[in-house]
């Protein structure tokens, strides 16, 4: 099954901090993941995990139940996908530290990003989170403990005082917390190896990394989602990590969610190039230097950001990326194989693999542009019903006959498509995710059309039109 892939493990990342799919949808796509060449999942539960007791406040409204977690793991096993759970334990702790009851554990009081590493309660908190997650993942060979993008580390009051002491540095502070978390995992779950994102380790000198004891405790995951990543630089970084004592390394590419915080459609070419670069990186090092690769599929850039590409929209990209990693490239035979897996005649045709992808493609490519075309380039709207006219409720009666039918037709067409899309989304996602995506991507354009028609109706009015605009009061209607 592995073809000529240098990556023994190929994990698909499920980022559940945004638009988490219903279990019924995962039952549909796990067989496809397996068929495309995946043999594992990195599941970033965030607030979708059913935390209990004093951690119950971390749960999202539609958090999975323990029985649903077990069903997800069962589905994964049926499809030969090894599950690696991910628990953030240092940075990206917004879903924890946003709560008033836990805000005192922030590194910087005003920002919920980063955990204060000086507080004993901080380690107790992440320890409790780890234990609850591991209780529902017995036998997990790996646990990813995050530790990426630990913003504002060293800027808290306790850290400032600590850094004033001789030989204390931000690097040492970071390593001490990573070591504490990893040691906790290994003490409580000795058969489980901690994984960490590597960005906080990259610039730490070799001697400090070696002396910290961290290389004996964790396996770093080198991540880079760019289409032109520095292959030579990555090879040097891998060499550095091996010299420091890390026994196993991982790579992390992206199949979606890495090209724009509000991206709606996945640029497959970008992500394919990202995989091809990682294949080159793997070829630069000794065989088996990289234990495996995670194809990340980010759903939000952080807990507070908007949604980027939905999982069903990213499936064609995932197919291309997985097959490229499995076969060692993307030749015509690999392209044909992907098209066969997806049940489509050609990857060049958009809107084929699912109703969601087809409808989102229509929205992404045409909704805003068609509304903008009418509002800003239609000669009747710009010439006879400009913002000047709309504020004064003034319009030539003849122009109503030019503008109103076109606006009504456009609104009806897009409203029908929005209704169809909403129904499709509700089959896959929970109501809050459906509402958010539509409100961000569809409603603004529909509201512009509705406002145009409302203004037109008010300008037409029940009485005869004015001979000319009245003086501008400076007020909107």
Protein backbone atom coordinates (compact mmCIF):
# COMPACT_ATOMS: atom_id res chain seq x y z
CA UNK A 1 0.00 0.00 0.00
CA UNK A 2 2.90 2.38 0.69
CA UNK A 3 4.10 2.47 -2.94
CA UNK A 4 7.37 4.38 -3.10
CA UNK A 5 6.54 6.69 -0.19
CA UNK A 6 9.36 7.59 2.21
CA UNK A 7 6.74 8.18 4.92
CA UNK A 8 5.80 5.05 6.85
CA UNK A 9 2.99 6.90 8.67
CA UNK A 10 0.62 9.20 6.79
CA UNK A 11 -1.82 10.90 9.16
CA UNK A 12 -4.78 13.08 8.21
CA UNK A 13 -5.28 15.94 10.67
CA UNK A 14 -8.82 16.68 11.86
CA UNK A 15 -8.96 20.19 13.32
CA UNK A 16 -12.13 20.15 15.39
CA UNK A 17 -11.91 23.68 16.77
CA UNK A 18 -14.03 24.80 13.86
CA UNK A 19 -16.91 23.15 11.97
CA UNK A 20 -16.42 19.72 13.57
CA UNK A 21 -18.16 17.08 11.42
CA UNK A 22 -20.88 14.83 12.73
CA UNK A 23 -19.76 11.25 13.36
CA UNK A 24 -22.02 10.11 10.50
CA UNK A 25 -19.87 12.12 8.06
CA UNK A 26 -16.64 10.67 9.47
CA UNK A 27 -18.12 7.23 8.79
CA UNK A 28 -18.39 8.26 5.14
CA UNK A 29 -14.89 9.71 4.71
CA UNK A 30 -12.70 7.36 6.78
CA UNK A 31 -12.93 4.61 4.10
CA UNK A 32 -11.85 7.20 1.51
CA UNK A 33 -8.92 8.33 3.69
CA UNK A 34 -7.77 4.71 3.90
CA UNK A 35 -8.24 4.08 0.17
CA UNK A 36 -6.22 7.19 -0.66
CA UNK A 37 -3.27 6.00 1.41
CA UNK A 38 -3.74 7.35 4.94
CA UNK A 39 -2.99 5.00 7.81
CA UNK A 40 -3.59 7.35 10.73
CA UNK A 41 -5.44 10.35 12.10
CA UNK A 42 -4.22 13.26 14.19
CA UNK A 43 -7.35 14.39 16.00
CA UNK A 44 -7.17 17.86 17.50
CA UNK A 45 -10.26 17.77 19.69
CA UNK A 46 -9.93 21.17 21.39
CA UNK A 47 -13.36 21.97 22.86
CA UNK A 48 -15.08 19.03 21.13
CA UNK A 49 -13.73 16.57 23.71
CA UNK A 50 -16.22 15.56 26.44
CA UNK A 51 -14.25 16.85 29.40
CA UNK A 52 -15.73 15.96 32.77
CA UNK A 53 -15.69 17.30 36.32
CA UNK A 54 -13.95 20.64 36.84
CA UNK A 55 -12.98 20.63 33.14
CA UNK A 56 -16.56 20.36 31.91
CA UNK A 57 -16.62 24.10 31.18
CA UNK A 58 -14.18 23.47 28.30
CA UNK A 59 -16.83 21.63 26.28
CA UNK A 60 -18.34 23.23 23.20
CA UNK A 61 -22.11 23.23 22.87
CA UNK A 62 -22.05 20.25 20.51
CA UNK A 63 -19.02 18.44 21.98
CA UNK A 64 -18.83 14.75 21.16
CA UNK A 65 -20.10 12.41 23.87
CA UNK A 66 -17.82 9.64 25.23
CA UNK A 67 -19.81 7.13 23.19
CA UNK A 68 -19.25 9.21 20.04
CA UNK A 69 -15.50 9.30 20.73
CA UNK A 70 -15.55 5.52 21.03
CA UNK A 71 -17.50 5.32 17.76
CA UNK A 72 -14.93 7.52 16.02
CA UNK A 73 -12.13 5.27 17.29
CA UNK A 74 -14.07 2.18 16.19
CA UNK A 75 -14.57 3.65 12.71
CA UNK A 76 -10.87 4.48 12.56
CA UNK A 77 -9.93 0.91 13.51
CA UNK A 78 -12.28 -0.52 10.88
CA UNK A 79 -10.45 1.58 8.29
CA UNK A 80 -6.95 0.83 9.59
CA UNK A 81 -6.39 4.44 10.71
CA UNK A 82 -4.28 4.74 13.86
CA UNK A 83 -5.51 7.60 16.04
CA UNK A 84 -3.12 10.11 17.61
CA UNK A 85 -4.98 12.53 19.90
CA UNK A 86 -3.76 16.12 20.21
CA UNK A 87 -4.06 18.18 23.40
CA UNK A 88 -2.69 21.72 23.48
CA UNK A 89 -0.64 22.22 26.65
CA UNK A 90 1.23 25.54 26.27
CA UNK A 91 0.30 27.82 23.35
CA UNK A 92 -3.07 27.95 21.58
CA UNK A 93 -4.81 27.55 24.93
CA UNK A 94 -7.56 30.04 24.07
CA UNK A 95 -10.34 27.49 24.45
CA UNK A 96 -9.18 26.93 28.03
CA UNK A 97 -7.90 30.30 29.17
CA UNK A 98 -10.83 32.29 27.75
CA UNK A 99 -12.87 31.07 30.73
CA UNK A 100 -12.88 33.44 33.68
CA UNK A 101 -12.38 30.55 36.11
CA UNK A 102 -9.03 29.73 34.45
CA UNK A 103 -7.90 33.19 33.34
CA UNK A 104 -5.51 33.47 36.31
CA UNK A 105 -3.33 30.84 34.58
CA UNK A 106 -2.56 33.05 31.57
CA UNK A 107 1.06 33.99 30.93
CA UNK A 108 -0.09 37.54 30.13
CA UNK A 109 -3.29 38.53 31.94
CA UNK A 110 -4.90 40.18 28.91
CA UNK A 111 -4.21 37.37 26.39
CA UNK A 112 -5.68 33.83 26.54
CA UNK A 113 -3.11 32.35 24.13
CA UNK A 114 -0.43 31.03 26.45
CA UNK A 115 -0.34 29.14 29.74
CA UNK A 116 1.74 30.48 32.63
CA UNK A 117 4.51 27.87 33.03
CA UNK A 118 5.42 29.03 36.55
CA UNK A 119 2.17 28.02 38.21
CA UNK A 120 1.93 24.50 39.61
CA UNK A 121 -1.79 24.70 38.84
CA UNK A 122 -0.93 25.06 35.13
CA UNK A 123 0.74 21.65 34.97
CA UNK A 124 -2.09 20.17 37.05
CA UNK A 125 -4.58 21.58 34.55
CA UNK A 126 -2.92 20.15 31.44
CA UNK A 127 -2.26 16.92 33.31
CA UNK A 128 -5.97 16.54 34.01
CA UNK A 129 -6.77 17.27 30.35
CA UNK A 130 -4.22 14.69 29.20
CA UNK A 131 -5.53 12.03 31.59
CA UNK A 132 -9.12 12.47 30.47
CA UNK A 133 -8.16 12.29 26.79
CA UNK A 134 -5.95 9.25 27.34
CA UNK A 135 -8.69 7.49 29.29
CA UNK A 136 -10.75 7.42 26.10
CA UNK A 137 -7.69 6.55 23.96
CA UNK A 138 -6.23 3.51 25.72
CA UNK A 139 -3.25 2.07 23.94
CA UNK A 140 -2.46 5.22 21.93
CA UNK A 141 1.17 4.96 20.79
CA UNK A 142 1.53 8.72 20.52
CA UNK A 143 -0.02 11.79 22.14
CA UNK A 144 0.56 15.17 20.52
CA UNK A 145 0.93 17.86 23.19
CA UNK A 146 1.07 20.86 20.83
CA UNK A 147 3.50 23.46 22.21
CA UNK A 148 3.51 25.56 19.02
CA UNK A 149 3.29 29.33 18.68
CA UNK A 150 3.71 30.06 22.38
CA UNK A 151 3.16 33.77 21.90
CA UNK A 152 4.05 36.26 24.67
CA UNK A 153 6.14 33.69 26.53
CA UNK A 154 8.38 35.55 28.94
CA UNK A 155 6.17 38.64 29.04
CA UNK A 156 4.16 37.74 32.13
CA UNK A 157 5.11 39.23 35.47
CA UNK A 158 6.33 35.93 36.92
CA UNK A 159 8.40 35.29 33.78
CA UNK A 160 9.92 38.77 33.85
CA UNK A 161 11.14 38.21 37.37
CA UNK A 162 12.40 34.72 36.52
CA UNK A 163 14.29 36.01 33.46
CA UNK A 164 16.16 38.54 35.59
CA UNK A 165 18.05 35.67 37.21
CA UNK A 166 21.39 34.78 35.68
CA UNK A 167 21.38 32.08 32.97
CA UNK A 168 17.59 32.12 32.66
CA UNK A 169 16.31 32.56 29.08
CA UNK A 170 13.04 32.23 27.18
CA UNK A 171 14.43 29.10 25.53
CA UNK A 172 15.13 27.53 28.90
CA UNK A 173 11.66 28.52 30.11
CA UNK A 174 10.07 26.92 27.07
CA UNK A 175 12.10 23.73 27.36
CA UNK A 176 11.36 23.38 31.07
CA UNK A 177 7.60 23.40 30.45
CA UNK A 178 7.84 21.01 27.49
CA UNK A 179 9.94 18.70 29.63
CA UNK A 180 7.46 18.89 32.52
CA UNK A 181 4.50 18.04 30.26
CA UNK A 182 6.35 15.23 28.46
CA UNK A 183 7.57 13.78 31.76
CA UNK A 184 4.00 13.80 33.05
CA UNK A 185 2.77 11.92 29.97
CA UNK A 186 5.51 9.29 30.22
CA UNK A 187 5.04 8.84 33.98
CA UNK A 188 1.29 8.36 33.69
CA UNK A 189 1.21 6.65 30.29
CA UNK A 190 4.63 5.02 29.77
CA UNK A 191 3.64 3.30 26.50
CA UNK A 192 2.70 6.64 24.88
CA UNK A 193 5.32 8.88 23.26
CA UNK A 194 4.68 12.65 23.31
CA UNK A 195 4.85 14.55 20.02
CA UNK A 196 5.40 18.35 19.78
CA UNK A 197 5.27 20.92 17.00
CA UNK A 198 8.83 22.04 16.37
CA UNK A 199 8.62 25.82 15.83
CA UNK A 200 9.57 26.76 19.41
CA UNK A 201 12.64 24.49 19.19
CA UNK A 202 14.05 25.61 15.81
CA UNK A 203 16.14 28.54 16.99
CA UNK A 204 17.37 27.03 20.27
CA UNK A 205 21.11 26.27 20.06
CA UNK A 206 22.12 22.61 19.85
CA UNK A 207 23.92 22.57 23.17
CA UNK A 208 20.88 23.94 25.03
CA UNK A 209 18.54 21.45 23.37
CA UNK A 210 20.88 18.56 24.15
CA UNK A 211 21.36 19.58 27.77
CA UNK A 212 17.64 20.09 28.41
CA UNK A 213 16.75 16.40 28.34
CA UNK A 214 13.83 17.15 26.03
CA UNK A 215 15.21 15.16 23.04
CA UNK A 216 14.94 11.94 25.06
CA UNK A 217 11.28 12.63 25.89
CA UNK A 218 9.51 13.86 22.75
CA UNK A 219 9.43 13.48 18.98
CA UNK A 220 9.33 16.85 17.16
CA UNK A 221 7.06 17.43 14.19
CA UNK A 222 8.64 19.81 11.66
CA UNK A 223 5.87 21.83 10.05
CA UNK A 224 5.92 23.97 6.95
CA UNK A 225 2.88 24.55 4.75
CA UNK A 226 4.44 26.74 2.06
CA UNK A 227 4.65 25.78 -1.61
CA UNK A 228 8.31 26.82 -1.81
CA UNK A 229 9.67 25.59 1.52
CA UNK A 230 13.44 25.60 1.89
CA UNK A 231 14.41 21.96 1.30
CA UNK A 232 18.06 22.44 2.21
CA UNK A 233 17.15 24.38 5.34
CA UNK A 234 14.80 21.61 6.45
CA UNK A 235 17.50 18.99 5.86
CA UNK A 236 19.90 21.00 8.05
CA UNK A 237 17.22 21.32 10.74
CA UNK A 238 16.65 17.56 10.73
CA UNK A 239 20.39 17.03 11.07
CA UNK A 240 20.49 19.44 14.01
CA UNK A 241 17.63 17.66 15.76
CA UNK A 242 19.28 14.27 15.30
CA UNK A 243 22.56 15.60 16.70
CA UNK A 244 20.68 16.89 19.74
CA UNK A 245 19.43 13.40 20.51
CA UNK A 246 15.92 13.27 19.06
CA UNK A 247 15.39 9.64 18.05
CA UNK A 248 12.46 10.13 15.70
CA UNK A 249 11.29 13.10 13.65
CA UNK A 250 7.98 13.81 11.90
CA UNK A 251 6.97 16.14 9.06
CA UNK A 252 3.78 18.15 8.74
CA UNK A 253 2.43 19.46 5.44
CA UNK A 254 -1.03 20.89 4.74
CA UNK A 255 -3.87 19.87 2.45
CA UNK A 256 -6.08 22.84 3.40
CA UNK A 257 -6.39 25.71 5.83
CA UNK A 258 -2.96 27.25 5.28
CA UNK A 259 -3.39 29.81 2.49
CA UNK A 260 -5.72 32.40 4.01
CA UNK A 261 -7.55 32.89 7.27
CA UNK A 262 -10.92 33.21 5.53
CA UNK A 263 -10.17 31.00 2.51
CA UNK A 264 -13.31 29.28 1.20
CA UNK A 265 -11.92 27.24 -1.72
CA UNK A 266 -8.78 25.11 -1.49
CA UNK A 267 -5.95 25.94 -3.95
CA UNK A 268 -4.91 22.37 -4.78
CA UNK A 269 -1.80 23.40 -6.74
CA UNK A 270 -0.32 25.13 -3.68
CA UNK A 271 -0.82 22.08 -1.47
CA UNK A 272 0.48 19.66 -4.09
CA UNK A 273 3.68 21.69 -4.37
CA UNK A 274 3.97 21.62 -0.57
CA UNK A 275 3.88 17.78 -0.61
CA UNK A 276 6.43 17.63 -3.44
CA UNK A 277 8.82 19.78 -1.40
CA UNK A 278 8.41 17.48 1.60
CA UNK A 279 9.23 14.49 -0.62
CA UNK A 280 12.47 16.27 -1.52
CA UNK A 281 13.21 16.89 2.16
CA UNK A 282 12.70 13.21 2.93
CA UNK A 283 15.05 12.28 0.10
CA UNK A 284 17.81 14.49 1.54
CA UNK A 285 18.09 12.62 4.82
CA UNK A 286 18.94 9.01 5.72
CA UNK A 287 16.13 6.50 5.19
CA UNK A 288 13.59 6.45 8.01
CA UNK A 289 14.78 9.81 9.36
CA UNK A 290 11.15 10.87 9.26
CA UNK A 291 8.79 8.55 11.10
CA UNK A 292 5.86 9.89 9.15
CA UNK A 293 3.99 12.94 7.90
CA UNK A 294 0.82 14.65 9.05
CA UNK A 295 -1.30 16.31 6.38
CA UNK A 296 -2.78 19.17 8.37
CA UNK A 297 -6.24 20.44 7.52
CA UNK A 298 -6.72 23.57 9.59
CA UNK A 299 -10.28 24.73 10.14
CA UNK A 300 -9.42 27.93 12.00
CA UNK A 301 -6.12 29.73 12.45
CA UNK A 302 -6.96 29.96 16.14
CA UNK A 303 -9.94 29.59 18.44
CA UNK A 304 -11.17 33.14 17.76
CA UNK A 305 -10.65 33.35 13.98
CA UNK A 306 -13.20 32.73 11.23
CA UNK A 307 -13.62 29.39 9.48
CA UNK A 308 -11.40 28.56 6.52
CA UNK A 309 -12.08 25.78 4.00
CA UNK A 310 -14.59 23.21 5.19
CA UNK A 311 -13.47 19.58 5.22
CA UNK A 312 -15.72 18.45 2.31
CA UNK A 313 -14.29 21.28 0.22
CA UNK A 314 -10.74 20.11 0.92
CA UNK A 315 -11.28 16.45 0.04
CA UNK A 316 -10.00 16.69 -3.58
CA UNK A 317 -6.86 18.41 -2.29
CA UNK A 318 -6.42 15.71 0.35
CA UNK A 319 -6.76 13.05 -2.35
CA UNK A 320 -4.10 14.68 -4.52
CA UNK A 321 -1.76 15.21 -1.57
CA UNK A 322 -2.10 11.71 -0.09
CA UNK A 323 -1.66 9.95 -3.40
CA UNK A 324 1.36 12.12 -4.24
CA UNK A 325 3.03 11.20 -0.94
CA UNK A 326 2.10 7.54 -1.38
CA UNK A 327 3.38 7.25 -4.95
CA UNK A 328 6.33 9.62 -4.60
CA UNK A 329 4.99 12.17 -7.09
CA UNK A 330 1.99 13.29 -9.15
CA UNK A 331 2.39 11.81 -12.61
CA UNK A 332 -0.52 11.24 -14.99
CA UNK A 333 -1.18 7.74 -13.62
CA UNK A 334 -1.47 9.15 -10.09
CA UNK A 335 -3.83 11.87 -11.34
CA UNK A 336 -5.99 9.23 -13.01
CA UNK A 337 -6.00 7.18 -9.81
CA UNK A 338 -7.19 10.20 -7.78
CA UNK A 339 -9.98 10.89 -10.27
CA UNK A 340 -11.03 7.25 -10.00
CA UNK A 341 -11.09 7.37 -6.18
CA UNK A 342 -13.21 10.52 -6.23
CA UNK A 343 -15.48 9.16 -8.95
CA UNK A 344 -14.94 12.10 -11.29
CA UNK A 345 -13.98 12.44 -14.95
CA UNK A 346 -11.37 15.14 -14.37
CA UNK A 347 -9.76 17.08 -11.52
CA UNK A 348 -10.08 20.19 -13.69
CA UNK A 349 -13.87 20.11 -13.26
CA UNK A 350 -14.96 21.85 -10.07
CA UNK A 351 -18.01 21.06 -8.03
CA UNK A 352 -18.16 17.32 -8.52
CA UNK A 353 -17.27 15.28 -5.47
CA UNK A 354 -20.02 16.51 -3.17
CA UNK A 355 -23.00 18.80 -3.14
CA UNK A 356 -21.24 20.95 -0.53
CA UNK A 357 -18.16 21.40 -2.71
CA UNK A 358 -20.29 22.21 -5.76
CA UNK A 359 -22.39 24.79 -3.90
CA UNK A 360 -19.48 26.35 -2.02
CA UNK A 361 -17.66 26.65 -5.34
CA UNK A 362 -20.62 28.57 -6.77
CA UNK A 363 -20.66 30.87 -3.75
CA UNK A 364 -16.88 31.34 -3.70
CA UNK A 365 -16.52 32.06 -7.40
CA UNK A 366 -19.74 33.87 -8.29
CA UNK A 367 -21.93 35.16 -5.44
CA UNK A 368 -20.02 38.25 -4.34
CA UNK A 369 -18.85 39.07 -7.86
CA UNK A 370 -22.39 38.92 -9.30
CA UNK A 371 -23.75 41.20 -6.55
CA UNK A 372 -20.81 43.58 -6.90
CA UNK A 373 -21.37 43.63 -10.64
CA UNK A 374 -24.93 44.82 -10.15
CA UNK A 375 -24.27 47.29 -7.35
CA UNK A 376 -21.11 48.87 -8.73
CA UNK A 377 -21.07 48.31 -12.49
CA UNK A 378 -24.69 48.16 -13.63
CA UNK A 379 -25.30 51.42 -15.51
CA UNK A 380 -28.84 51.86 -14.18
CA UNK A 381 -27.83 51.39 -10.54
CA UNK A 382 -24.68 53.50 -10.72
CA UNK A 383 -26.25 56.12 -12.95
CA UNK A 384 -29.76 56.50 -11.57
CA UNK A 385 -29.77 54.89 -8.10
CA UNK A 386 -26.43 55.71 -6.56
CA UNK A 387 -25.81 56.07 -2.83
CA UNK A 388 -26.69 59.77 -3.32
CA UNK A 389 -30.11 58.83 -4.64
CA UNK A 390 -30.63 56.09 -2.06
CA UNK A 391 -29.99 58.40 0.89
CA UNK A 392 -32.54 60.88 -0.46
CA UNK A 393 -35.08 58.22 -1.51
CA UNK A 394 -35.08 59.60 -5.04
CA UNK A 395 -35.33 57.62 -8.27
CA UNK A 396 -36.60 58.08 -11.81
CA UNK A 397 -39.73 55.87 -12.08
CA UNK A 398 -38.55 54.37 -15.35
CA UNK A 399 -35.38 53.10 -13.66
CA UNK A 400 -37.37 51.02 -11.20
CA UNK A 401 -38.42 48.85 -14.14
CA UNK A 402 -34.77 48.38 -15.13
CA UNK A 403 -33.36 47.70 -11.65
CA UNK A 404 -36.04 45.89 -9.65
CA UNK A 405 -36.61 42.77 -11.85
CA UNK A 406 -32.88 42.15 -12.16
CA UNK A 407 -32.29 42.53 -8.40
CA UNK A 408 -35.27 40.29 -7.58
CA UNK A 409 -34.05 37.63 -10.00
CA UNK A 410 -30.52 37.70 -8.60
CA UNK A 411 -31.79 37.54 -5.02
CA UNK A 412 -34.13 34.64 -5.80
CA UNK A 413 -31.39 32.67 -7.51
CA UNK A 414 -28.87 33.07 -4.71
CA UNK A 415 -31.47 32.59 -1.96
CA UNK A 416 -32.45 29.26 -3.51
CA UNK A 417 -28.81 28.17 -3.71
CA UNK A 418 -28.23 29.31 -0.10
CA UNK A 419 -31.16 27.20 1.03
CA UNK A 420 -29.80 24.19 -0.83
CA UNK A 421 -26.35 24.75 0.67
CA UNK A 422 -27.74 25.14 4.17
CA UNK A 423 -29.55 21.79 3.88
CA UNK A 424 -26.36 20.11 2.64
CA UNK A 425 -24.25 21.63 5.42
CA UNK A 426 -26.72 20.54 8.09
CA UNK A 427 -26.23 16.92 7.06
CA UNK A 428 -22.51 17.18 7.88
CA UNK A 429 -22.14 19.90 10.52
CA UNK A 430 -23.82 21.12 13.69
CA UNK A 431 -26.16 24.16 13.53
CA UNK A 432 -23.68 26.68 14.95
CA UNK A 433 -21.09 25.91 12.26
CA UNK A 434 -23.72 26.14 9.51
CA UNK A 435 -24.93 29.48 10.82
CA UNK A 436 -21.39 30.84 11.08
CA UNK A 437 -20.34 29.80 7.57
CA UNK A 438 -23.46 31.20 5.94
CA UNK A 439 -23.30 34.42 7.93
CA UNK A 440 -19.67 34.96 6.92
CA UNK A 441 -19.84 33.89 3.29
CA UNK A 442 -23.42 34.21 2.01
CA UNK A 443 -25.54 36.59 4.06
CA UNK A 444 -23.52 39.80 3.43
CA UNK A 445 -24.16 39.62 -0.32
CA UNK A 446 -27.83 38.70 0.08
CA UNK A 447 -28.31 41.54 2.53
CA UNK A 448 -26.84 43.99 0.03
CA UNK A 449 -29.45 42.93 -2.54
CA UNK A 450 -32.24 43.06 0.03
CA UNK A 451 -31.15 46.56 1.05
CA UNK A 452 -31.08 47.68 -2.58
CA UNK A 453 -34.65 46.46 -3.08
CA UNK A 454 -35.80 48.04 0.18
CA UNK A 455 -34.26 51.37 -0.78
CA UNK A 456 -35.82 51.13 -4.21
CA UNK A 457 -39.26 50.53 -2.70
CA UNK A 458 -38.89 53.45 -0.32
CA UNK A 459 -37.68 55.72 -3.13
CA UNK A 460 -40.63 54.74 -5.31
CA UNK A 461 -42.94 55.50 -2.41
CA UNK A 462 -46.72 55.72 -2.45
CA UNK A 463 -46.76 59.31 -3.67
CA UNK A 464 -45.47 61.04 -6.83
CA UNK A 465 -41.67 61.28 -7.12
CA UNK A 466 -39.90 64.51 -6.39
CA UNK A 467 -38.83 66.68 -9.31
CA UNK A 468 -35.27 66.75 -7.99
CA UNK A 469 -33.35 65.62 -4.92
CA UNK A 470 -33.86 67.66 -1.79
CA UNK A 471 -30.96 69.09 0.18
CA UNK A 472 -28.65 66.47 1.75
CA UNK A 473 -29.26 66.28 5.50
CA UNK A 474 -26.17 64.14 5.97
CA UNK A 475 -28.27 61.37 7.48
CA UNK A 476 -28.95 57.89 6.22
CA UNK A 477 -32.60 56.92 5.84
